[in-house]
């Protein structure tokens, strides 16, 4: 079974720019797992292996919900919102996965997407130093995120439901993502999610930690 979530390896900004981004529709809501698990069995569903993801560290900015910056498996990973479909699905373009220690110029670019100022006076930064700098920054919040994900596809549309813990607080989520927007719309409707608000990880984490 293919790994729809990708491999944990470094990717340059140039390589990331070649990746065709998928649109995503995501719901965070109590009871959404039961809703999706009841509706997903339609004869066209292909299951993927459940995965408990490694601990991730998200960096939230008071200035934007359009720069997804996180550390996972020792890589500093960034995606930025580049588009939104007519149905409100968000499109995030990968911008690269950077191995620590991260070079000053790469870190400066990432920080610029978070729309904050940070004094960078070293040639490179290790993971602990960057996390400490972010924790001390008054316009950033650092959130530990754990995920237990249950993946599947319907008509080749990538879907999942998951338990997510933001700094230990449990929330439920479900999503669909694809380059096929019309196919996404059909699957989202079939899963009973169409009337619910599209909420990305950044907004959900901010609500849990009190940033909005």
C-alpha atoms as a PDB file:
ATOM      1  CA  UNK A   1       0.000   0.000   0.000  1.00  0.00           C
ATOM      2  CA  UNK A   2       1.482   3.373  -0.979  1.00  0.00           C
ATOM      3  CA  UNK A   3       2.318   5.892   1.727  1.00  0.00           C
ATOM      4  CA  UNK A   4       0.013   8.799   0.903  1.00  0.00           C
ATOM      5  CA  UNK A   5       1.634  10.948   3.578  1.00  0.00           C
ATOM      6  CA  UNK A   6       5.093  10.959   2.015  1.00  0.00           C
ATOM      7  CA  UNK A   7       8.526  10.157   3.370  1.00  0.00           C
ATOM      8  CA  UNK A   8      10.430  12.082   6.032  1.00  0.00           C
ATOM      9  CA  UNK A   9      13.340  13.386   4.003  1.00  0.00           C
ATOM     10  CA  UNK A  10      14.869  16.787   3.364  1.00  0.00           C
ATOM     11  CA  UNK A  11      13.552  18.653   0.319  1.00  0.00           C
ATOM     12  CA  UNK A  12      15.029  21.842  -1.087  1.00  0.00           C
ATOM     13  CA  UNK A  13      12.867  24.864  -1.857  1.00  0.00           C
ATOM     14  CA  UNK A  14      13.522  24.250  -5.558  1.00  0.00           C
ATOM     15  CA  UNK A  15      12.400  20.613  -5.321  1.00  0.00           C
ATOM     16  CA  UNK A  16       9.336  21.527  -3.257  1.00  0.00           C
ATOM     17  CA  UNK A  17       8.238  24.090  -5.858  1.00  0.00           C
ATOM     18  CA  UNK A  18       7.881  21.249  -8.392  1.00  0.00           C
ATOM     19  CA  UNK A  19       5.353  19.376  -6.243  1.00  0.00           C
ATOM     20  CA  UNK A  20       1.770  19.729  -7.465  1.00  0.00           C
ATOM     21  CA  UNK A  21      -0.141  20.934  -4.388  1.00  0.00           C
ATOM     22  CA  UNK A  22      -3.364  19.287  -3.269  1.00  0.00           C
ATOM     23  CA  UNK A  23      -6.421  21.168  -2.076  1.00  0.00           C
ATOM     24  CA  UNK A  24      -7.600  20.255   1.411  1.00  0.00           C
ATOM     25  CA  UNK A  25     -10.919  20.404   3.222  1.00  0.00           C
ATOM     26  CA  UNK A  26     -10.643  19.658   6.952  1.00  0.00           C
ATOM     27  CA  UNK A  27     -13.123  19.618   9.825  1.00  0.00           C
ATOM     28  CA  UNK A  28     -12.343  19.754  13.545  1.00  0.00           C
ATOM     29  CA  UNK A  29     -15.418  18.809  15.544  1.00  0.00           C
ATOM     30  CA  UNK A  30     -16.493  16.425  18.306  1.00  0.00           C
ATOM     31  CA  UNK A  31     -18.278  13.414  16.828  1.00  0.00           C
ATOM     32  CA  UNK A  32     -16.835  13.795  13.334  1.00  0.00           C
ATOM     33  CA  UNK A  33     -15.013  10.453  13.566  1.00  0.00           C
ATOM     34  CA  UNK A  34     -18.276   8.570  14.161  1.00  0.00           C
ATOM     35  CA  UNK A  35     -19.921  10.510  11.320  1.00  0.00           C
ATOM     36  CA  UNK A  36     -17.211   9.660   8.803  1.00  0.00           C
ATOM     37  CA  UNK A  37     -16.691   6.064   9.908  1.00  0.00           C
ATOM     38  CA  UNK A  38     -20.422   5.385   9.453  1.00  0.00           C
ATOM     39  CA  UNK A  39     -20.536   6.880   5.941  1.00  0.00           C
ATOM     40  CA  UNK A  40     -17.241   5.752   4.438  1.00  0.00           C
ATOM     41  CA  UNK A  41     -18.347   2.205   3.561  1.00  0.00           C
ATOM     42  CA  UNK A  42     -19.752   2.576   0.059  1.00  0.00           C
ATOM     43  CA  UNK A  43     -17.997  -0.167  -1.927  1.00  0.00           C
ATOM     44  CA  UNK A  44     -15.388   2.254  -3.267  1.00  0.00           C
ATOM     45  CA  UNK A  45     -13.320   2.763  -0.120  1.00  0.00           C
ATOM     46  CA  UNK A  46      -9.711   1.590   0.097  1.00  0.00           C
ATOM     47  CA  UNK A  47      -8.234   1.489   3.599  1.00  0.00           C
ATOM     48  CA  UNK A  48      -4.684   2.464   4.559  1.00  0.00           C
ATOM     49  CA  UNK A  49      -2.820   1.370   7.634  1.00  0.00           C
ATOM     50  CA  UNK A  50      -3.553   3.421  10.752  1.00  0.00           C
ATOM     51  CA  UNK A  51      -0.565   5.497  11.821  1.00  0.00           C
ATOM     52  CA  UNK A  52       0.472   7.106  15.083  1.00  0.00           C
ATOM     53  CA  UNK A  53       2.585   9.987  13.830  1.00  0.00           C
ATOM     54  CA  UNK A  54       5.822  11.115  15.476  1.00  0.00           C
ATOM     55  CA  UNK A  55       5.446  14.128  17.743  1.00  0.00           C
ATOM     56  CA  UNK A  56       5.308  17.356  15.739  1.00  0.00           C
ATOM     57  CA  UNK A  57       6.035  20.899  16.855  1.00  0.00           C
ATOM     58  CA  UNK A  58       3.942  23.620  15.184  1.00  0.00           C
ATOM     59  CA  UNK A  59       4.872  27.310  15.132  1.00  0.00           C
ATOM     60  CA  UNK A  60       1.848  29.614  15.178  1.00  0.00           C
ATOM     61  CA  UNK A  61       1.975  33.305  14.317  1.00  0.00           C
ATOM     62  CA  UNK A  62      -0.536  35.919  15.419  1.00  0.00           C
ATOM     63  CA  UNK A  63      -0.212  37.471  11.958  1.00  0.00           C
ATOM     64  CA  UNK A  64      -1.134  34.600   9.636  1.00  0.00           C
ATOM     65  CA  UNK A  65      -2.994  31.322   9.183  1.00  0.00           C
ATOM     66  CA  UNK A  66      -1.384  30.733   5.799  1.00  0.00           C
ATOM     67  CA  UNK A  67       2.113  29.525   6.728  1.00  0.00           C
ATOM     68  CA  UNK A  68       2.191  25.977   8.073  1.00  0.00           C
ATOM     69  CA  UNK A  69       5.587  25.665   9.784  1.00  0.00           C
ATOM     70  CA  UNK A  70       6.411  22.599  11.847  1.00  0.00           C
ATOM     71  CA  UNK A  71       9.194  20.277  12.933  1.00  0.00           C
ATOM     72  CA  UNK A  72       8.692  16.558  12.366  1.00  0.00           C
ATOM     73  CA  UNK A  73      11.304  13.817  12.534  1.00  0.00           C
ATOM     74  CA  UNK A  74      14.048  16.421  12.840  1.00  0.00           C
ATOM     75  CA  UNK A  75      13.025  18.335   9.704  1.00  0.00           C
ATOM     76  CA  UNK A  76      11.780  21.921   9.584  1.00  0.00           C
ATOM     77  CA  UNK A  77       8.837  21.676   7.187  1.00  0.00           C
ATOM     78  CA  UNK A  78       6.972  24.611   5.639  1.00  0.00           C
ATOM     79  CA  UNK A  79       3.916  24.910   3.403  1.00  0.00           C
ATOM     80  CA  UNK A  80       2.191  28.155   2.462  1.00  0.00           C
ATOM     81  CA  UNK A  81      -1.311  28.814   1.206  1.00  0.00           C
ATOM     82  CA  UNK A  82      -1.254  29.732  -2.468  1.00  0.00           C
ATOM     83  CA  UNK A  83      -4.879  29.408  -3.548  1.00  0.00           C
ATOM     84  CA  UNK A  84      -8.446  28.639  -2.582  1.00  0.00           C
ATOM     85  CA  UNK A  85     -10.956  26.797  -4.759  1.00  0.00           C
ATOM     86  CA  UNK A  86     -14.458  28.164  -5.513  1.00  0.00           C
ATOM     87  CA  UNK A  87     -15.780  25.769  -2.851  1.00  0.00           C
ATOM     88  CA  UNK A  88     -13.381  27.137  -0.243  1.00  0.00           C
ATOM     89  CA  UNK A  89     -10.849  24.304  -0.236  1.00  0.00           C
ATOM     90  CA  UNK A  90      -7.382  25.567   0.685  1.00  0.00           C
ATOM     91  CA  UNK A  91      -4.319  24.864  -1.445  1.00  0.00           C
ATOM     92  CA  UNK A  92      -0.964  24.775   0.366  1.00  0.00           C
ATOM     93  CA  UNK A  93       2.295  24.619  -1.623  1.00  0.00           C
ATOM     94  CA  UNK A  94       5.248  22.796  -0.040  1.00  0.00           C
ATOM     95  CA  UNK A  95       8.220  25.163   0.384  1.00  0.00           C
ATOM     96  CA  UNK A  96      10.806  22.649   1.524  1.00  0.00           C
ATOM     97  CA  UNK A  97      11.882  20.389   4.364  1.00  0.00           C
ATOM     98  CA  UNK A  98      15.142  21.489   5.944  1.00  0.00           C
ATOM     99  CA  UNK A  99      17.527  19.324   7.953  1.00  0.00           C
ATOM    100  CA  UNK A 100      18.882  20.745  11.181  1.00  0.00           C
ATOM    101  CA  UNK A 101      21.095  22.603  11.649  1.00  0.00           C
ATOM    102  CA  UNK A 102      19.191  25.011   9.373  1.00  0.00           C
ATOM    103  CA  UNK A 103      21.114  27.692   7.517  1.00  0.00           C
ATOM    104  CA  UNK A 104      20.474  31.310   8.444  1.00  0.00           C
ATOM    105  CA  UNK A 105      19.133  32.242   4.986  1.00  0.00           C
ATOM    106  CA  UNK A 106      16.644  29.334   4.942  1.00  0.00           C
ATOM    107  CA  UNK A 107      15.442  30.181   8.451  1.00  0.00           C
ATOM    108  CA  UNK A 108      15.069  33.851   7.527  1.00  0.00           C
ATOM    109  CA  UNK A 109      12.819  32.883   4.606  1.00  0.00           C
ATOM    110  CA  UNK A 110      10.659  30.678   6.823  1.00  0.00           C
ATOM    111  CA  UNK A 111      10.359  33.396   9.467  1.00  0.00           C
ATOM    112  CA  UNK A 112       9.319  35.885   6.793  1.00  0.00           C
ATOM    113  CA  UNK A 113       6.345  33.657   5.939  1.00  0.00           C
ATOM    114  CA  UNK A 114       5.321  33.784   9.616  1.00  0.00           C
ATOM    115  CA  UNK A 115       5.375  37.586   9.264  1.00  0.00           C
ATOM    116  CA  UNK A 116       7.443  38.208  12.382  1.00  0.00           C
ATOM    117  CA  UNK A 117      10.836  39.769  13.039  1.00  0.00           C
ATOM    118  CA  UNK A 118      13.575  37.677  14.618  1.00  0.00           C
ATOM    119  CA  UNK A 119      17.217  38.589  15.089  1.00  0.00           C
ATOM    120  CA  UNK A 120      19.397  35.988  13.336  1.00  0.00           C
ATOM    121  CA  UNK A 121      23.083  36.450  14.086  1.00  0.00           C
ATOM    122  CA  UNK A 122      24.349  32.881  13.618  1.00  0.00           C
ATOM    123  CA  UNK A 123      25.306  31.105  10.403  1.00  0.00           C
ATOM    124  CA  UNK A 124      23.032  28.185  11.280  1.00  0.00           C
ATOM    125  CA  UNK A 125      20.619  27.062  14.001  1.00  0.00           C
ATOM    126  CA  UNK A 126      20.024  23.725  15.696  1.00  0.00           C
ATOM    127  CA  UNK A 127      16.531  22.513  16.548  1.00  0.00           C
ATOM    128  CA  UNK A 128      16.650  23.329  20.263  1.00  0.00           C
ATOM    129  CA  UNK A 129      17.876  26.869  19.643  1.00  0.00           C
ATOM    130  CA  UNK A 130      15.144  27.610  17.128  1.00  0.00           C
ATOM    131  CA  UNK A 131      12.386  26.214  19.355  1.00  0.00           C
ATOM    132  CA  UNK A 132      13.684  28.260  22.301  1.00  0.00           C
ATOM    133  CA  UNK A 133      13.746  31.428  20.178  1.00  0.00           C
ATOM    134  CA  UNK A 134      10.174  30.789  19.031  1.00  0.00           C
ATOM    135  CA  UNK A 135       8.938  30.156  22.583  1.00  0.00           C
ATOM    136  CA  UNK A 136      10.404  33.470  23.710  1.00  0.00           C
ATOM    137  CA  UNK A 137       8.888  35.435  20.799  1.00  0.00           C
ATOM    138  CA  UNK A 138       5.760  37.346  21.874  1.00  0.00           C
ATOM    139  CA  UNK A 139       4.083  36.954  18.465  1.00  0.00           C
ATOM    140  CA  UNK A 140       4.631  33.201  18.141  1.00  0.00           C
ATOM    141  CA  UNK A 141       3.303  30.146  19.957  1.00  0.00           C
ATOM    142  CA  UNK A 142       4.913  26.717  19.996  1.00  0.00           C
ATOM    143  CA  UNK A 143       2.458  23.807  20.109  1.00  0.00           C
ATOM    144  CA  UNK A 144       3.239  20.104  20.475  1.00  0.00           C
ATOM    145  CA  UNK A 145       0.961  18.039  18.245  1.00  0.00           C
ATOM    146  CA  UNK A 146       0.306  14.293  18.344  1.00  0.00           C
ATOM    147  CA  UNK A 147      -1.825  12.504  15.741  1.00  0.00           C
ATOM    148  CA  UNK A 148      -3.410   9.077  15.430  1.00  0.00           C
ATOM    149  CA  UNK A 149      -4.452   8.934  11.790  1.00  0.00           C
ATOM    150  CA  UNK A 150      -6.764   6.528   9.954  1.00  0.00           C
ATOM    151  CA  UNK A 151      -6.332   6.944   6.217  1.00  0.00           C
ATOM    152  CA  UNK A 152      -8.449   5.769   3.303  1.00  0.00           C
ATOM    153  CA  UNK A 153      -9.343   6.753  -0.247  1.00  0.00           C
ATOM    154  CA  UNK A 154     -12.689   6.994  -2.032  1.00  0.00           C
ATOM    155  CA  UNK A 155     -12.439   7.146  -5.831  1.00  0.00           C
ATOM    156  CA  UNK A 156      -8.740   7.974  -5.332  1.00  0.00           C
ATOM    157  CA  UNK A 157      -9.562  11.014  -3.183  1.00  0.00           C
ATOM    158  CA  UNK A 158      -7.266  10.902  -0.125  1.00  0.00           C
ATOM    159  CA  UNK A 159      -9.229  10.996   3.132  1.00  0.00           C
ATOM    160  CA  UNK A 160      -8.637  10.466   6.811  1.00  0.00           C
ATOM    161  CA  UNK A 161     -10.108  10.774  10.239  1.00  0.00           C
ATOM    162  CA  UNK A 162      -7.867  11.261  13.235  1.00  0.00           C
ATOM    163  CA  UNK A 163      -7.492  11.959  16.906  1.00  0.00           C
ATOM    164  CA  UNK A 164      -5.246  14.992  17.419  1.00  0.00           C
ATOM    165  CA  UNK A 165      -3.742  16.294  20.638  1.00  0.00           C
ATOM    166  CA  UNK A 166      -2.700  19.983  20.795  1.00  0.00           C
ATOM    167  CA  UNK A 167      -0.499  20.337  23.883  1.00  0.00           C
ATOM    168  CA  UNK A 168      -2.333  17.306  25.258  1.00  0.00           C
ATOM    169  CA  UNK A 169      -5.879  18.546  24.482  1.00  0.00           C
ATOM    170  CA  UNK A 170      -7.754  15.973  22.373  1.00  0.00           C
ATOM    171  CA  UNK A 171      -9.787  16.998  19.311  1.00  0.00           C
ATOM    172  CA  UNK A 172     -11.286  14.996  16.426  1.00  0.00           C
ATOM    173  CA  UNK A 173     -10.691  15.772  12.780  1.00  0.00           C
ATOM    174  CA  UNK A 174     -11.535  14.477   9.294  1.00  0.00           C
ATOM    175  CA  UNK A 175     -10.412  15.627   5.875  1.00  0.00           C
ATOM    176  CA  UNK A 176     -10.309  15.059   2.141  1.00  0.00           C
ATOM    177  CA  UNK A 177      -7.540  16.249  -0.163  1.00  0.00           C
ATOM    178  CA  UNK A 178      -6.823  16.004  -3.874  1.00  0.00           C
ATOM    179  CA  UNK A 179      -5.967  17.849  -7.063  1.00  0.00           C
ATOM    180  CA  UNK A 180      -9.417  16.717  -8.290  1.00  0.00           C
ATOM    181  CA  UNK A 181     -11.691  19.411  -6.839  1.00  0.00           C
ATOM    182  CA  UNK A 182     -14.953  18.051  -8.256  1.00  0.00           C
ATOM    183  CA  UNK A 183     -14.113  14.577  -6.961  1.00  0.00           C
ATOM    184  CA  UNK A 184     -13.342  16.080  -3.551  1.00  0.00           C
ATOM    185  CA  UNK A 185     -16.679  17.842  -3.477  1.00  0.00           C
ATOM    186  CA  UNK A 186     -18.576  14.622  -4.136  1.00  0.00           C
ATOM    187  CA  UNK A 187     -16.678  12.705  -1.443  1.00  0.00           C
ATOM    188  CA  UNK A 188     -17.060  15.515   1.105  1.00  0.00           C
ATOM    189  CA  UNK A 189     -20.805  15.471   0.521  1.00  0.00           C
ATOM    190  CA  UNK A 190     -20.972  11.684   0.819  1.00  0.00           C
ATOM    191  CA  UNK A 191     -19.113  11.793   4.137  1.00  0.00           C
ATOM    192  CA  UNK A 192     -21.573  14.329   5.546  1.00  0.00           C
ATOM    193  CA  UNK A 193     -18.975  17.088   5.911  1.00  0.00           C
ATOM    194  CA  UNK A 194     -20.098  19.629   3.309  1.00  0.00           C
ATOM    195  CA  UNK A 195     -22.046  21.855   5.701  1.00  0.00           C
ATOM    196  CA  UNK A 196     -19.200  22.086   8.225  1.00  0.00           C
ATOM    197  CA  UNK A 197     -16.552  24.847   8.311  1.00  0.00           C
ATOM    198  CA  UNK A 198     -13.218  24.204   6.624  1.00  0.00           C
ATOM    199  CA  UNK A 199     -10.614  24.625   9.381  1.00  0.00           C
ATOM    200  CA  UNK A 200      -6.902  24.052   8.853  1.00  0.00           C
ATOM    201  CA  UNK A 201      -4.464  22.857  11.522  1.00  0.00           C
ATOM    202  CA  UNK A 202      -3.253  26.372  12.272  1.00  0.00           C
ATOM    203  CA  UNK A 203      -6.717  27.721  13.106  1.00  0.00           C
ATOM    204  CA  UNK A 204      -7.614  24.636  15.132  1.00  0.00           C
ATOM    205  CA  UNK A 205      -4.421  24.825  17.182  1.00  0.00           C
ATOM    206  CA  UNK A 206      -4.908  28.545  17.792  1.00  0.00           C
ATOM    207  CA  UNK A 207      -8.393  27.947  19.159  1.00  0.00           C
ATOM    208  CA  UNK A 208      -7.139  25.279  21.549  1.00  0.00           C
ATOM    209  CA  UNK A 209      -4.253  27.375  22.911  1.00  0.00           C
ATOM    210  CA  UNK A 210      -6.267  30.610  23.042  1.00  0.00           C
ATOM    211  CA  UNK A 211      -4.677  32.583  20.203  1.00  0.00           C
ATOM    212  CA  UNK A 212      -8.092  33.335  18.649  1.00  0.00           C
END
